[in-house]
Amino acid sequence: MWLCANVFASIVRCAMPKTTTMTVRLTPELSDKLETLARDTKRSKSYLASEAIASYVEMNAWQVARIKAALAEARSGAPGVPHEEVVRWIESWGAENEGRRPRPRKSK
């Protein structure tokens, strides 16, 4: 059992969160940097690696979910702006005759 503190500063017993173990291969340079960071922050290498992986997974899961949603919307026939029109509009930014923002329309 781990000791956990609650907001009222009393100590309670709580169960250790479930974890799994995995092996990763690191370059010697990255391993040295991780070792240094762990020492400097007084954290374990496992803790730092777990935090880094959690951050990476959360960020990429969010991005992939949004890409999937955008692709589903594009395939649904919902109004949108063709890529070529967006590119043409962006390339006109700052030009003397800046293009007008393209308007969404139903796909064909």
PDB file of N, CA and C in Angstrom:
ATOM      1  N   MET A   1       0.833  -1.191   0.000  1.00  0.00           N
ATOM      2  CA  MET A   1       0.000   0.000   0.000  1.00  0.00           C
ATOM      3  C   MET A   1       0.876   1.252   0.000  1.00  0.00           C
ATOM      4  N   TRP A   2       0.440   2.252  -0.735  1.00  0.00           N
ATOM      5  CA  TRP A   2       1.110   3.544  -0.768  1.00  0.00           C
ATOM      6  C   TRP A   2       0.426   4.470   0.218  1.00  0.00           C
ATOM      7  N   LEU A   3       1.175   5.401   0.761  1.00  0.00           N
ATOM      8  CA  LEU A   3       0.577   6.443   1.594  1.00  0.00           C
ATOM      9  C   LEU A   3       0.235   7.618   0.705  1.00  0.00           C
ATOM     10  N   CYS A   4      -0.964   8.128   0.819  1.00  0.00           N
ATOM     11  CA  CYS A   4      -1.400   9.261   0.014  1.00  0.00           C
ATOM     12  C   CYS A   4      -1.899  10.349   0.941  1.00  0.00           C
ATOM     13  N   ALA A   5      -1.667  11.604   0.568  1.00  0.00           N
ATOM     14  CA  ALA A   5      -2.175  12.727   1.363  1.00  0.00           C
ATOM     15  C   ALA A   5      -3.411  13.275   0.674  1.00  0.00           C
ATOM     16  N   ASN A   6      -4.453  13.545   1.458  1.00  0.00           N
ATOM     17  CA  ASN A   6      -5.612  14.182   0.840  1.00  0.00           C
ATOM     18  C   ASN A   6      -5.551  15.683   1.087  1.00  0.00           C
ATOM     19  N   VAL A   7      -6.547  16.424   0.616  1.00  0.00           N
ATOM     20  CA  VAL A   7      -6.495  17.882   0.707  1.00  0.00           C
ATOM     21  C   VAL A   7      -6.507  18.408   2.123  1.00  0.00           C
ATOM     22  N   PHE A   8      -6.942  17.626   3.074  1.00  0.00           N
ATOM     23  CA  PHE A   8      -6.990  18.094   4.457  1.00  0.00           C
ATOM     24  C   PHE A   8      -5.728  17.714   5.224  1.00  0.00           C
ATOM     25  N   ALA A   9      -4.721  17.247   4.520  1.00  0.00           N
ATOM     26  CA  ALA A   9      -3.408  16.926   5.073  1.00  0.00           C
ATOM     27  C   ALA A   9      -3.429  15.725   6.007  1.00  0.00           C
ATOM     28  N   SER A  10      -4.495  14.958   6.019  1.00  0.00           N
ATOM     29  CA  SER A  10      -4.462  13.722   6.787  1.00  0.00           C
ATOM     30  C   SER A  10      -3.965  12.617   5.867  1.00  0.00           C
ATOM     31  N   ILE A  11      -3.349  11.636   6.436  1.00  0.00           N
ATOM     32  CA  ILE A  11      -2.763  10.565   5.648  1.00  0.00           C
ATOM     33  C   ILE A  11      -3.761   9.406   5.565  1.00  0.00           C
ATOM     34  N   VAL A  12      -3.957   8.908   4.351  1.00  0.00           N
ATOM     35  CA  VAL A  12      -4.845   7.767   4.138  1.00  0.00           C
ATOM     36  C   VAL A  12      -4.091   6.728   3.322  1.00  0.00           C
ATOM     37  N   ARG A  13      -4.525   5.507   3.398  1.00  0.00           N
ATOM     38  CA  ARG A  13      -3.910   4.457   2.589  1.00  0.00           C
ATOM     39  C   ARG A  13      -4.671   4.375   1.265  1.00  0.00           C
ATOM     40  N   CYS A  14      -3.943   4.258   0.184  1.00  0.00           N
ATOM     41  CA  CYS A  14      -4.597   4.072  -1.106  1.00  0.00           C
ATOM     42  C   CYS A  14      -3.825   3.051  -1.906  1.00  0.00           C
ATOM     43  N   ALA A  15      -4.486   2.436  -2.839  1.00  0.00           N
ATOM     44  CA  ALA A  15      -3.864   1.400  -3.651  1.00  0.00           C
ATOM     45  C   ALA A  15      -2.929   2.023  -4.670  1.00  0.00           C
ATOM     46  N   MET A  16      -1.825   1.350  -4.948  1.00  0.00           N
ATOM     47  CA  MET A  16      -0.882   1.803  -5.968  1.00  0.00           C
ATOM     48  C   MET A  16      -1.559   1.691  -7.333  1.00  0.00           C
ATOM     49  N   PRO A  17      -1.446   2.731  -8.167  1.00  0.00           N
ATOM     50  CA  PRO A  17      -2.058   2.651  -9.489  1.00  0.00           C
ATOM     51  C   PRO A  17      -1.472   1.484 -10.278  1.00  0.00           C
ATOM     52  N   LYS A  18      -2.311   0.842 -11.082  1.00  0.00           N
ATOM     53  CA  LYS A  18      -1.832  -0.284 -11.888  1.00  0.00           C
ATOM     54  C   LYS A  18      -0.934   0.236 -12.998  1.00  0.00           C
ATOM     55  N   THR A  19       0.137  -0.460 -13.234  1.00  0.00           N
ATOM     56  CA  THR A  19       1.064  -0.106 -14.307  1.00  0.00           C
ATOM     57  C   THR A  19       1.464  -1.374 -15.047  1.00  0.00           C
ATOM     58  N   THR A  20       2.029  -1.181 -16.212  1.00  0.00           N
ATOM     59  CA  THR A  20       2.602  -2.291 -16.952  1.00  0.00           C
ATOM     60  C   THR A  20       4.053  -1.951 -17.239  1.00  0.00           C
ATOM     61  N   THR A  21       4.812  -2.956 -17.560  1.00  0.00           N
ATOM     62  CA  THR A  21       6.231  -2.770 -17.852  1.00  0.00           C
ATOM     63  C   THR A  21       6.467  -2.983 -19.337  1.00  0.00           C
ATOM     64  N   MET A  22       7.316  -2.140 -19.925  1.00  0.00           N
ATOM     65  CA  MET A  22       7.706  -2.332 -21.310  1.00  0.00           C
ATOM     66  C   MET A  22       9.182  -1.978 -21.447  1.00  0.00           C
ATOM     67  N   THR A  23       9.780  -2.459 -22.485  1.00  0.00           N
ATOM     68  CA  THR A  23      11.192  -2.197 -22.744  1.00  0.00           C
ATOM     69  C   THR A  23      11.289  -1.289 -23.958  1.00  0.00           C
ATOM     70  N   VAL A  24      12.131  -0.265 -23.875  1.00  0.00           N
ATOM     71  CA  VAL A  24      12.359   0.616 -25.021  1.00  0.00           C
ATOM     72  C   VAL A  24      13.852   0.672 -25.308  1.00  0.00           C
ATOM     73  N   ARG A  25      14.176   0.885 -26.541  1.00  0.00           N
ATOM     74  CA  ARG A  25      15.583   1.041 -26.941  1.00  0.00           C
ATOM     75  C   ARG A  25      15.864   2.522 -27.131  1.00  0.00           C
ATOM     76  N   LEU A  26      16.909   2.999 -26.495  1.00  0.00           N
ATOM     77  CA  LEU A  26      17.313   4.395 -26.593  1.00  0.00           C
ATOM     78  C   LEU A  26      18.719   4.466 -27.154  1.00  0.00           C
ATOM     79  N   THR A  27      18.991   5.533 -27.880  1.00  0.00           N
ATOM     80  CA  THR A  27      20.373   5.757 -28.305  1.00  0.00           C
ATOM     81  C   THR A  27      21.185   6.070 -27.052  1.00  0.00           C
ATOM     82  N   PRO A  28      22.481   5.820 -27.087  1.00  0.00           N
ATOM     83  CA  PRO A  28      23.308   6.146 -25.920  1.00  0.00           C
ATOM     84  C   PRO A  28      23.200   7.630 -25.540  1.00  0.00           C
ATOM     85  N   GLU A  29      23.096   8.502 -26.543  1.00  0.00           N
ATOM     86  CA  GLU A  29      23.000   9.936 -26.259  1.00  0.00           C
ATOM     87  C   GLU A  29      21.704  10.260 -25.518  1.00  0.00           C
ATOM     88  N   LEU A  30      20.599   9.699 -25.977  1.00  0.00           N
ATOM     89  CA  LEU A  30      19.323   9.957 -25.315  1.00  0.00           C
ATOM     90  C   LEU A  30      19.309   9.357 -23.913  1.00  0.00           C
ATOM     91  N   SER A  31      19.878   8.179 -23.776  1.00  0.00           N
ATOM     92  CA  SER A  31      19.960   7.542 -22.460  1.00  0.00           C
ATOM     93  C   SER A  31      20.758   8.407 -21.482  1.00  0.00           C
ATOM     94  N   ASP A  32      21.859   8.983 -21.961  1.00  0.00           N
ATOM     95  CA  ASP A  32      22.674   9.867 -21.105  1.00  0.00           C
ATOM     96  C   ASP A  32      21.884  11.110 -20.708  1.00  0.00           C
ATOM     97  N   LYS A  33      21.156  11.685 -21.655  1.00  0.00           N
ATOM     98  CA  LYS A  33      20.345  12.874 -21.345  1.00  0.00           C
ATOM     99  C   LYS A  33      19.253  12.542 -20.337  1.00  0.00           C
ATOM    100  N   LEU A  34      18.626  11.388 -20.509  1.00  0.00           N
ATOM    101  CA  LEU A  34      17.587  10.964 -19.576  1.00  0.00           C
ATOM    102  C   LEU A  34      18.170  10.749 -18.190  1.00  0.00           C
ATOM    103  N   GLU A  35      19.314  10.126 -18.126  1.00  0.00           N
ATOM    104  CA  GLU A  35      20.001   9.902 -16.839  1.00  0.00           C
ATOM    105  C   GLU A  35      20.306  11.229 -16.158  1.00  0.00           C
ATOM    106  N   THR A  36      20.819  12.191 -16.906  1.00  0.00           N
ATOM    107  CA  THR A  36      21.139  13.511 -16.352  1.00  0.00           C
ATOM    108  C   THR A  36      19.885  14.221 -15.868  1.00  0.00           C
ATOM    109  N   LEU A  37      18.840  14.192 -16.680  1.00  0.00           N
ATOM    110  CA  LEU A  37      17.595  14.846 -16.294  1.00  0.00           C
ATOM    111  C   LEU A  37      17.011  14.189 -15.042  1.00  0.00           C
ATOM    112  N   ALA A  38      17.047  12.873 -14.982  1.00  0.00           N
ATOM    113  CA  ALA A  38      16.532  12.166 -13.805  1.00  0.00           C
ATOM    114  C   ALA A  38      17.308  12.578 -12.556  1.00  0.00           C
ATOM    115  N   ARG A  39      18.603  12.628 -12.670  1.00  0.00           N
ATOM    116  CA  ARG A  39      19.432  13.032 -11.530  1.00  0.00           C
ATOM    117  C   ARG A  39      19.144  14.478 -11.126  1.00  0.00           C
ATOM    118  N   ASP A  40      19.085  15.376 -12.115  1.00  0.00           N
ATOM    119  CA  ASP A  40      18.884  16.798 -11.822  1.00  0.00           C
ATOM    120  C   ASP A  40      17.500  17.103 -11.255  1.00  0.00           C
ATOM    121  N   THR A  41      16.507  16.312 -11.656  1.00  0.00           N
ATOM    122  CA  THR A  41      15.145  16.561 -11.176  1.00  0.00           C
ATOM    123  C   THR A  41      14.770  15.662 -10.001  1.00  0.00           C
ATOM    124  N   LYS A  42      15.718  14.803  -9.625  1.00  0.00           N
ATOM    125  CA  LYS A  42      15.471  13.846  -8.534  1.00  0.00           C
ATOM    126  C   LYS A  42      14.238  12.988  -8.811  1.00  0.00           C
ATOM    127  N   ARG A  43      14.106  12.582 -10.050  1.00  0.00           N
ATOM    128  CA  ARG A  43      13.043  11.681 -10.493  1.00  0.00           C
ATOM    129  C   ARG A  43      13.691  10.442 -11.087  1.00  0.00           C
ATOM    130  N   SER A  44      12.956   9.370 -11.152  1.00  0.00           N
ATOM    131  CA  SER A  44      13.498   8.163 -11.777  1.00  0.00           C
ATOM    132  C   SER A  44      13.408   8.282 -13.293  1.00  0.00           C
ATOM    133  N   LYS A  45      14.252   7.524 -13.977  1.00  0.00           N
ATOM    134  CA  LYS A  45      14.179   7.497 -15.439  1.00  0.00           C
ATOM    135  C   LYS A  45      12.828   6.937 -15.878  1.00  0.00           C
ATOM    136  N   SER A  46      12.329   5.961 -15.152  1.00  0.00           N
ATOM    137  CA  SER A  46      11.023   5.384 -15.481  1.00  0.00           C
ATOM    138  C   SER A  46       9.919   6.418 -15.381  1.00  0.00           C
ATOM    139  N   TYR A  47       9.974   7.239 -14.327  1.00  0.00           N
ATOM    140  CA  TYR A  47       8.957   8.274 -14.159  1.00  0.00           C
ATOM    141  C   TYR A  47       9.001   9.258 -15.333  1.00  0.00           C
ATOM    142  N   LEU A  48      10.204   9.719 -15.671  1.00  0.00           N
ATOM    143  CA  LEU A  48      10.338  10.686 -16.765  1.00  0.00           C
ATOM    144  C   LEU A  48       9.904  10.084 -18.096  1.00  0.00           C
ATOM    145  N   ALA A  49      10.280   8.839 -18.340  1.00  0.00           N
ATOM    146  CA  ALA A  49       9.892   8.180 -19.589  1.00  0.00           C
ATOM    147  C   ALA A  49       8.382   8.002 -19.647  1.00  0.00           C
ATOM    148  N   SER A  50       7.781   7.618 -18.542  1.00  0.00           N
ATOM    149  CA  SER A  50       6.330   7.448 -18.499  1.00  0.00           C
ATOM    150  C   SER A  50       5.616   8.768 -18.751  1.00  0.00           C
ATOM    151  N   GLU A  51       6.088   9.843 -18.145  1.00  0.00           N
ATOM    152  CA  GLU A  51       5.489  11.160 -18.363  1.00  0.00           C
ATOM    153  C   GLU A  51       5.629  11.584 -19.826  1.00  0.00           C
ATOM    154  N   ALA A  52       6.787  11.348 -20.410  1.00  0.00           N
ATOM    155  CA  ALA A  52       7.014  11.726 -21.811  1.00  0.00           C
ATOM    156  C   ALA A  52       6.109  10.924 -22.735  1.00  0.00           C
ATOM    157  N   ILE A  53       5.987   9.628 -22.487  1.00  0.00           N
ATOM    158  CA  ILE A  53       5.131   8.786 -23.326  1.00  0.00           C
ATOM    159  C   ILE A  53       3.675   9.200 -23.171  1.00  0.00           C
ATOM    160  N   ALA A  54       3.236   9.466 -21.948  1.00  0.00           N
ATOM    161  CA  ALA A  54       1.850   9.887 -21.719  1.00  0.00           C
ATOM    162  C   ALA A  54       1.549  11.181 -22.473  1.00  0.00           C
ATOM    163  N   SER A  55       2.472  12.127 -22.422  1.00  0.00           N
ATOM    164  CA  SER A  55       2.280  13.397 -23.114  1.00  0.00           C
ATOM    165  C   SER A  55       2.218  13.183 -24.626  1.00  0.00           C
ATOM    166  N   TYR A  56       3.125  12.375 -25.148  1.00  0.00           N
ATOM    167  CA  TYR A  56       3.165  12.094 -26.585  1.00  0.00           C
ATOM    168  C   TYR A  56       1.880  11.408 -27.045  1.00  0.00           C
ATOM    169  N   VAL A  57       1.451  10.401 -26.298  1.00  0.00           N
ATOM    170  CA  VAL A  57       0.251   9.649 -26.679  1.00  0.00           C
ATOM    171  C   VAL A  57      -0.974  10.561 -26.640  1.00  0.00           C
ATOM    172  N   GLU A  58      -1.106  11.365 -25.598  1.00  0.00           N
ATOM    173  CA  GLU A  58      -2.266  12.250 -25.506  1.00  0.00           C
ATOM    174  C   GLU A  58      -2.291  13.248 -26.667  1.00  0.00           C
ATOM    175  N   MET A  59      -1.154  13.857 -26.959  1.00  0.00           N
ATOM    176  CA  MET A  59      -1.106  14.835 -28.047  1.00  0.00           C
ATOM    177  C   MET A  59      -1.418  14.179 -29.390  1.00  0.00           C
ATOM    178  N   ASN A  60      -0.818  13.045 -29.656  1.00  0.00           N
ATOM    179  CA  ASN A  60      -1.025  12.402 -30.953  1.00  0.00           C
ATOM    180  C   ASN A  60      -2.403  11.771 -31.064  1.00  0.00           C
ATOM    181  N   ALA A  61      -2.946  11.263 -29.985  1.00  0.00           N
ATOM    182  CA  ALA A  61      -4.299  10.715 -30.020  1.00  0.00           C
ATOM    183  C   ALA A  61      -5.296  11.826 -30.342  1.00  0.00           C
ATOM    184  N   TRP A  62      -5.096  12.997 -29.755  1.00  0.00           N
ATOM    185  CA  TRP A  62      -5.957  14.149 -30.031  1.00  0.00           C
ATOM    186  C   TRP A  62      -5.873  14.506 -31.514  1.00  0.00           C
ATOM    187  N   GLN A  63      -4.658  14.582 -32.031  1.00  0.00           N
ATOM    188  CA  GLN A  63      -4.467  14.967 -33.426  1.00  0.00           C
ATOM    189  C   GLN A  63      -5.080  13.938 -34.377  1.00  0.00           C
ATOM    190  N   VAL A  64      -4.850  12.657 -34.125  1.00  0.00           N
ATOM    191  CA  VAL A  64      -5.397  11.609 -34.988  1.00  0.00           C
ATOM    192  C   VAL A  64      -6.922  11.614 -34.932  1.00  0.00           C
ATOM    193  N   ALA A  65      -7.489  11.811 -33.754  1.00  0.00           N
ATOM    194  CA  ALA A  65      -8.952  11.871 -33.629  1.00  0.00           C
ATOM    195  C   ALA A  65      -9.516  13.021 -34.452  1.00  0.00           C
ATOM    196  N   ARG A  66      -8.849  14.186 -34.424  1.00  0.00           N
ATOM    197  CA  ARG A  66      -9.334  15.332 -35.205  1.00  0.00           C
ATOM    198  C   ARG A  66      -9.188  15.090 -36.701  1.00  0.00           C
ATOM    199  N   ILE A  67      -8.124  14.434 -37.106  1.00  0.00           N
ATOM    200  CA  ILE A  67      -7.934  14.112 -38.523  1.00  0.00           C
ATOM    201  C   ILE A  67      -9.026  13.157 -38.988  1.00  0.00           C
ATOM    202  N   LYS A  68      -9.301  12.126 -38.180  1.00  0.00           N
ATOM    203  CA  LYS A  68     -10.362  11.182 -38.539  1.00  0.00           C
ATOM    204  C   LYS A  68     -11.709  11.892 -38.652  1.00  0.00           C
ATOM    205  N   ALA A  69     -11.995  12.788 -37.717  1.00  0.00           N
ATOM    206  CA  ALA A  69     -13.266  13.525 -37.756  1.00  0.00           C
ATOM    207  C   ALA A  69     -13.337  14.398 -38.996  1.00  0.00           C
ATOM    208  N   ALA A  70     -12.235  15.061 -39.345  1.00  0.00           N
ATOM    209  CA  ALA A  70     -12.217  15.924 -40.529  1.00  0.00           C
ATOM    210  C   ALA A  70     -12.394  15.104 -41.807  1.00  0.00           C
ATOM    211  N   LEU A  71     -11.764  13.939 -41.870  1.00  0.00           N
ATOM    212  CA  LEU A  71     -11.922  13.077 -43.047  1.00  0.00           C
ATOM    213  C   LEU A  71     -13.354  12.575 -43.163  1.00  0.00           C
ATOM    214  N   ALA A  72     -13.946  12.203 -42.036  1.00  0.00           N
ATOM    215  CA  ALA A  72     -15.346  11.756 -42.061  1.00  0.00           C
ATOM    216  C   ALA A  72     -16.259  12.888 -42.514  1.00  0.00           C
ATOM    217  N   GLU A  73     -15.994  14.095 -42.048  1.00  0.00           N
ATOM    218  CA  GLU A  73     -16.802  15.246 -42.471  1.00  0.00           C
ATOM    219  C   GLU A  73     -16.634  15.493 -43.969  1.00  0.00           C
ATOM    220  N   ALA A  74     -15.394  15.408 -44.450  1.00  0.00           N
ATOM    221  CA  ALA A  74     -15.149  15.632 -45.880  1.00  0.00           C
ATOM    222  C   ALA A  74     -15.858  14.573 -46.724  1.00  0.00           C
ATOM    223  N   ARG A  75     -15.856  13.332 -46.252  1.00  0.00           N
ATOM    224  CA  ARG A  75     -16.504  12.250 -47.002  1.00  0.00           C
ATOM    225  C   ARG A  75     -18.028  12.324 -46.930  1.00  0.00           C
ATOM    226  N   SER A  76     -18.541  13.034 -45.935  1.00  0.00           N
ATOM    227  CA  SER A  76     -19.993  13.096 -45.738  1.00  0.00           C
ATOM    228  C   SER A  76     -20.690  13.994 -46.746  1.00  0.00           C
ATOM    229  N   GLY A  77     -19.923  14.792 -47.465  1.00  0.00           N
ATOM    230  CA  GLY A  77     -20.524  15.715 -48.416  1.00  0.00           C
ATOM    231  C   GLY A  77     -20.917  17.041 -47.790  1.00  0.00           C
ATOM    232  N   ALA A  78     -20.527  17.265 -46.541  1.00  0.00           N
ATOM    233  CA  ALA A  78     -20.823  18.542 -45.878  1.00  0.00           C
ATOM    234  C   ALA A  78     -20.124  19.669 -46.631  1.00  0.00           C
ATOM    235  N   PRO A  79     -20.639  20.887 -46.536  1.00  0.00           N
ATOM    236  CA  PRO A  79     -20.000  22.014 -47.216  1.00  0.00           C
ATOM    237  C   PRO A  79     -18.537  22.154 -46.800  1.00  0.00           C
ATOM    238  N   GLY A  80     -17.692  22.504 -47.747  1.00  0.00           N
ATOM    239  CA  GLY A  80     -16.275  22.683 -47.482  1.00  0.00           C
ATOM    240  C   GLY A  80     -15.632  23.511 -48.579  1.00  0.00           C
ATOM    241  N   VAL A  81     -14.348  23.777 -48.410  1.00  0.00           N
ATOM    242  CA  VAL A  81     -13.596  24.558 -49.387  1.00  0.00           C
ATOM    243  C   VAL A  81     -12.514  23.648 -49.964  1.00  0.00           C
ATOM    244  N   PRO A  82     -12.461  23.505 -51.284  1.00  0.00           N
ATOM    245  CA  PRO A  82     -11.417  22.674 -51.892  1.00  0.00           C
ATOM    246  C   PRO A  82     -10.018  23.172 -51.524  1.00  0.00           C
ATOM    247  N   HIS A  83      -9.124  22.225 -51.333  1.00  0.00           N
ATOM    248  CA  HIS A  83      -7.753  22.527 -50.926  1.00  0.00           C
ATOM    249  C   HIS A  83      -7.091  23.551 -51.855  1.00  0.00           C
ATOM    250  N   GLU A  84      -7.266  23.384 -53.140  1.00  0.00           N
ATOM    251  CA  GLU A  84      -6.624  24.274 -54.109  1.00  0.00           C
ATOM    252  C   GLU A  84      -7.054  25.721 -53.903  1.00  0.00           C
ATOM    253  N   GLU A  85      -8.328  25.926 -53.559  1.00  0.00           N
ATOM    254  CA  GLU A  85      -8.815  27.292 -53.334  1.00  0.00           C
ATOM    255  C   GLU A  85      -8.199  27.894 -52.069  1.00  0.00           C
ATOM    256  N   VAL A  86      -8.041  27.074 -51.040  1.00  0.00           N
ATOM    257  CA  VAL A  86      -7.425  27.551 -49.802  1.00  0.00           C
ATOM    258  C   VAL A  86      -5.969  27.931 -50.066  1.00  0.00           C
ATOM    259  N   VAL A  87      -5.252  27.084 -50.806  1.00  0.00           N
ATOM    260  CA  VAL A  87      -3.849  27.369 -51.131  1.00  0.00           C
ATOM    261  C   VAL A  87      -3.743  28.656 -51.925  1.00  0.00           C
ATOM    262  N   ARG A  88      -4.593  28.816 -52.939  1.00  0.00           N
ATOM    263  CA  ARG A  88      -4.561  30.026 -53.762  1.00  0.00           C
ATOM    264  C   ARG A  88      -4.814  31.267 -52.900  1.00  0.00           C
ATOM    265  N   TRP A  89      -5.771  31.167 -51.994  1.00  0.00           N
ATOM    266  CA  TRP A  89      -6.091  32.293 -51.108  1.00  0.00           C
ATOM    267  C   TRP A  89      -4.911  32.619 -50.186  1.00  0.00           C
ATOM    268  N   ILE A  90      -4.322  31.606 -49.567  1.00  0.00           N
ATOM    269  CA  ILE A  90      -3.194  31.833 -48.652  1.00  0.00           C
ATOM    270  C   ILE A  90      -2.003  32.426 -49.399  1.00  0.00           C
ATOM    271  N   GLU A  91      -1.748  31.939 -50.606  1.00  0.00           N
ATOM    272  CA  GLU A  91      -0.617  32.456 -51.386  1.00  0.00           C
ATOM    273  C   GLU A  91      -0.819  33.913 -51.784  1.00  0.00           C
ATOM    274  N   SER A  92      -2.067  34.396 -51.755  1.00  0.00           N
ATOM    275  CA  SER A  92      -2.326  35.795 -52.115  1.00  0.00           C
ATOM    276  C   SER A  92      -2.139  36.750 -50.930  1.00  0.00           C
ATOM    277  N   TRP A  93      -1.990  36.209 -49.731  1.00  0.00           N
ATOM    278  CA  TRP A  93      -1.852  37.066 -48.552  1.00  0.00           C
ATOM    279  C   TRP A  93      -0.648  37.985 -48.709  1.00  0.00           C
ATOM    280  N   GLY A  94      -0.831  39.229 -48.395  1.00  0.00           N
ATOM    281  CA  GLY A  94       0.246  40.208 -48.467  1.00  0.00           C
ATOM    282  C   GLY A  94       0.466  40.765 -49.860  1.00  0.00           C
ATOM    283  N   ALA A  95      -0.212  40.206 -50.854  1.00  0.00           N
ATOM    284  CA  ALA A  95      -0.082  40.702 -52.229  1.00  0.00           C
ATOM    285  C   ALA A  95      -0.949  41.945 -52.391  1.00  0.00           C
ATOM    286  N   GLU A  96      -0.662  42.699 -53.430  1.00  0.00           N
ATOM    287  CA  GLU A  96      -1.437  43.909 -53.690  1.00  0.00           C
ATOM    288  C   GLU A  96      -2.915  43.585 -53.907  1.00  0.00           C
ATOM    289  N   ASN A  97      -3.180  42.502 -54.614  1.00  0.00           N
ATOM    290  CA  ASN A  97      -4.568  42.082 -54.877  1.00  0.00           C
ATOM    291  C   ASN A  97      -4.863  40.805 -54.088  1.00  0.00           C
ATOM    292  N   GLU A  98      -4.888  40.937 -52.766  1.00  0.00           N
ATOM    293  CA  GLU A  98      -5.139  39.771 -51.920  1.00  0.00           C
ATOM    294  C   GLU A  98      -6.512  39.183 -52.241  1.00  0.00           C
ATOM    295  N   GLY A  99      -6.540  37.855 -52.376  1.00  0.00           N
ATOM    296  CA  GLY A  99      -7.788  37.184 -52.707  1.00  0.00           C
ATOM    297  C   GLY A  99      -8.786  37.213 -51.563  1.00  0.00           C
ATOM    298  N   ARG A 100     -10.036  37.004 -51.921  1.00  0.00           N
ATOM    299  CA  ARG A 100     -11.103  36.942 -50.916  1.00  0.00           C
ATOM    300  C   ARG A 100     -11.134  35.543 -50.309  1.00  0.00           C
ATOM    301  N   ARG A 101     -11.540  35.476 -49.080  1.00  0.00           N
ATOM    302  CA  ARG A 101     -11.632  34.191 -48.398  1.00  0.00           C
ATOM    303  C   ARG A 101     -12.651  33.311 -49.124  1.00  0.00           C
ATOM    304  N   PRO A 102     -12.250  32.081 -49.463  1.00  0.00           N
ATOM    305  CA  PRO A 102     -13.189  31.200 -50.152  1.00  0.00           C
ATOM    306  C   PRO A 102     -14.349  30.792 -49.235  1.00  0.00           C
ATOM    307  N   ARG A 103     -15.501  30.633 -49.815  1.00  0.00           N
ATOM    308  CA  ARG A 103     -16.704  30.255 -49.061  1.00  0.00           C
ATOM    309  C   ARG A 103     -16.951  28.752 -49.201  1.00  0.00           C
ATOM    310  N   PRO A 104     -17.344  28.111 -48.118  1.00  0.00           N
ATOM    311  CA  PRO A 104     -17.668  26.683 -48.197  1.00  0.00           C
ATOM    312  C   PRO A 104     -18.847  26.458 -49.133  1.00  0.00           C
ATOM    313  N   ARG A 105     -18.820  25.333 -49.796  1.00  0.00           N
ATOM    314  CA  ARG A 105     -19.944  24.956 -50.653  1.00  0.00           C
ATOM    315  C   ARG A 105     -20.078  23.434 -50.628  1.00  0.00           C
ATOM    316  N   LYS A 106     -21.234  22.977 -50.998  1.00  0.00           N
ATOM    317  CA  LYS A 106     -21.508  21.550 -51.022  1.00  0.00           C
ATOM    318  C   LYS A 106     -20.598  20.872 -52.031  1.00  0.00           C
ATOM    319  N   SER A 107     -20.042  19.722 -51.655  1.00  0.00           N
ATOM    320  CA  SER A 107     -19.182  19.001 -52.595  1.00  0.00           C
ATOM    321  C   SER A 107     -20.051  18.323 -53.662  1.00  0.00           C
ATOM    322  N   LYS A 108     -19.421  18.046 -54.790  1.00  0.00           N
ATOM    323  CA  LYS A 108     -20.172  17.496 -55.936  1.00  0.00           C
ATOM    324  C   LYS A 108     -20.231  16.002 -55.880  1.00  0.00           C
TER     325      LYS A 108
END
